[in-house]
C-alpha atoms as a PDB file:
ATOM      1  CA  MET A   1       9.030  52.243  45.163  1.00  0.00           C
ATOM      2  CA  THR A   2      12.563  52.593  43.859  1.00  0.00           C
ATOM      3  CA  THR A   3      14.090  50.491  41.157  1.00  0.00           C
ATOM      4  CA  ASP A   4      16.827  48.013  41.979  1.00  0.00           C
ATOM      5  CA  SER A   5      19.968  48.986  40.084  1.00  0.00           C
ATOM      6  CA  GLY A   6      21.113  45.359  40.336  1.00  0.00           C
ATOM      7  CA  LEU A   7      17.968  44.260  38.506  1.00  0.00           C
ATOM      8  CA  GLU A   8      18.493  46.953  35.891  1.00  0.00           C
ATOM      9  CA  HIS A   9      22.068  45.740  35.416  1.00  0.00           C
ATOM     10  CA  LYS A  10      20.892  42.137  34.985  1.00  0.00           C
ATOM     11  CA  ILE A  11      18.268  43.170  32.433  1.00  0.00           C
ATOM     12  CA  ALA A  12      20.802  45.138  30.394  1.00  0.00           C
ATOM     13  CA  ALA A  13      23.632  42.625  30.828  1.00  0.00           C
ATOM     14  CA  THR A  14      24.801  40.660  27.845  1.00  0.00           C
ATOM     15  CA  ASN A  15      26.772  37.470  27.338  1.00  0.00           C
ATOM     16  CA  ASP A  16      27.614  35.262  24.361  1.00  0.00           C
ATOM     17  CA  HIS A  17      24.043  33.911  24.112  1.00  0.00           C
ATOM     18  CA  ALA A  18      21.962  36.948  25.057  1.00  0.00           C
ATOM     19  CA  ARG A  19      21.040  40.138  23.223  1.00  0.00           C
ATOM     20  CA  LYS A  20      21.285  43.516  24.884  1.00  0.00           C
ATOM     21  CA  ILE A  21      17.999  45.176  25.773  1.00  0.00           C
ATOM     22  CA  PRO A  22      18.056  48.911  24.974  1.00  0.00           C
ATOM     23  CA  ALA A  23      18.234  51.060  28.124  1.00  0.00           C
ATOM     24  CA  GLU A  24      14.945  52.836  27.342  1.00  0.00           C
ATOM     25  CA  VAL A  25      13.135  49.484  27.020  1.00  0.00           C
ATOM     26  CA  ALA A  26      14.652  48.247  30.283  1.00  0.00           C
ATOM     27  CA  GLN A  27      13.514  51.481  31.965  1.00  0.00           C
ATOM     28  CA  GLU A  28       9.955  51.021  30.674  1.00  0.00           C
ATOM     29  CA  ILE A  29       9.874  47.451  32.009  1.00  0.00           C
ATOM     30  CA  LEU A  30      11.166  48.595  35.405  1.00  0.00           C
ATOM     31  CA  ARG A  31       8.673  51.486  35.457  1.00  0.00           C
ATOM     32  CA  ALA A  32       5.818  49.061  34.775  1.00  0.00           C
ATOM     33  CA  VAL A  33       6.956  46.714  37.553  1.00  0.00           C
ATOM     34  CA  ALA A  34       7.422  49.579  40.007  1.00  0.00           C
ATOM     35  CA  SER A  35       3.988  51.056  39.314  1.00  0.00           C
ATOM     36  CA  ILE A  36       1.873  47.939  39.817  1.00  0.00           C
ATOM     37  CA  GLU A  37       0.769  46.724  43.241  1.00  0.00           C
ATOM     38  CA  TYR A  38      -1.082  43.528  42.248  1.00  0.00           C
ATOM     39  CA  GLY A  39      -1.209  42.033  38.795  1.00  0.00           C
ATOM     40  CA  SER A  40       1.068  41.016  35.968  1.00  0.00           C
ATOM     41  CA  ILE A  41       3.362  42.444  33.316  1.00  0.00           C
ATOM     42  CA  GLU A  42       3.570  40.780  29.896  1.00  0.00           C
ATOM     43  CA  ILE A  43       6.393  41.605  27.491  1.00  0.00           C
ATOM     44  CA  VAL A  44       5.600  40.967  23.820  1.00  0.00           C
ATOM     45  CA  ILE A  45       8.542  40.216  21.533  1.00  0.00           C
ATOM     46  CA  HIS A  46       8.623  40.093  17.705  1.00  0.00           C
ATOM     47  CA  ASP A  47      11.768  39.441  15.686  1.00  0.00           C
ATOM     48  CA  ASN A  48      13.948  39.475  18.828  1.00  0.00           C
ATOM     49  CA  ARG A  49      12.688  42.953  19.820  1.00  0.00           C
ATOM     50  CA  VAL A  50      10.401  44.083  22.622  1.00  0.00           C
ATOM     51  CA  VAL A  51       7.424  45.641  20.861  1.00  0.00           C
ATOM     52  CA  GLN A  52       4.844  45.886  23.632  1.00  0.00           C
ATOM     53  CA  ILE A  53       4.583  45.897  27.426  1.00  0.00           C
ATOM     54  CA  GLU A  54       1.155  44.976  28.798  1.00  0.00           C
ATOM     55  CA  CYS A  55       0.213  45.727  32.400  1.00  0.00           C
ATOM     56  CA  ARG A  56      -2.759  44.050  34.062  1.00  0.00           C
ATOM     57  CA  GLU A  57      -3.437  45.489  37.488  1.00  0.00           C
ATOM     58  CA  LYS A  58      -5.672  43.640  39.925  1.00  0.00           C
ATOM     59  CA  ILE A  59      -7.848  45.596  42.306  1.00  0.00           C
ATOM     60  CA  ARG A  60      -8.349  43.996  45.699  1.00  0.00           C
ATOM     61  CA  VAL A  61     -11.853  44.493  47.079  1.00  0.00           C
ATOM     62  CA  ASN A  62     -12.689  43.951  50.755  1.00  0.00           C
ATOM     63  CA  GLN A  63     -16.134  43.603  52.313  1.00  0.00           C
ATOM     64  CA  SER A  64     -16.400  47.303  53.183  1.00  0.00           C
ATOM     65  CA  GLY A  65     -16.040  48.308  49.527  1.00  0.00           C
ATOM     66  CA  PRO A  66     -13.328  48.798  46.946  1.00  0.00           C
ATOM     67  CA  SER A  67      -9.834  49.450  48.208  1.00  0.00           C
ATOM     68  CA  ARG A  68      -8.134  51.190  45.342  1.00  0.00           C
ATOM     69  CA  LYS A  69      -5.228  53.575  45.198  1.00  0.00           C
ATOM     70  CA  ALA A  70      -5.780  56.897  43.437  1.00  0.00           C
ATOM     71  CA  LEU A  71      -5.664  56.753  39.662  1.00  0.00           C
ATOM     72  CA  LYS A  72      -2.572  58.236  38.067  1.00  0.00           C
ATOM     73  CA  SER A  73      -2.961  60.701  35.229  1.00  0.00           C
END
């Protein structure tokens, strides 16, 4: 899956009321979204800074057994 440069631009965009997200943080968020098939991404913020990105991946199981993509190292 490729990242959407428009989405990256929106994440990094600033205006009078928003703070700029550092490029490396935006890349980590996009990498997390791109790597997950089913699940959720939670971004933890303290003092107006992203301090943690949590990924919860769901594994879909069908009746013939687990259907899971290969684990990444």
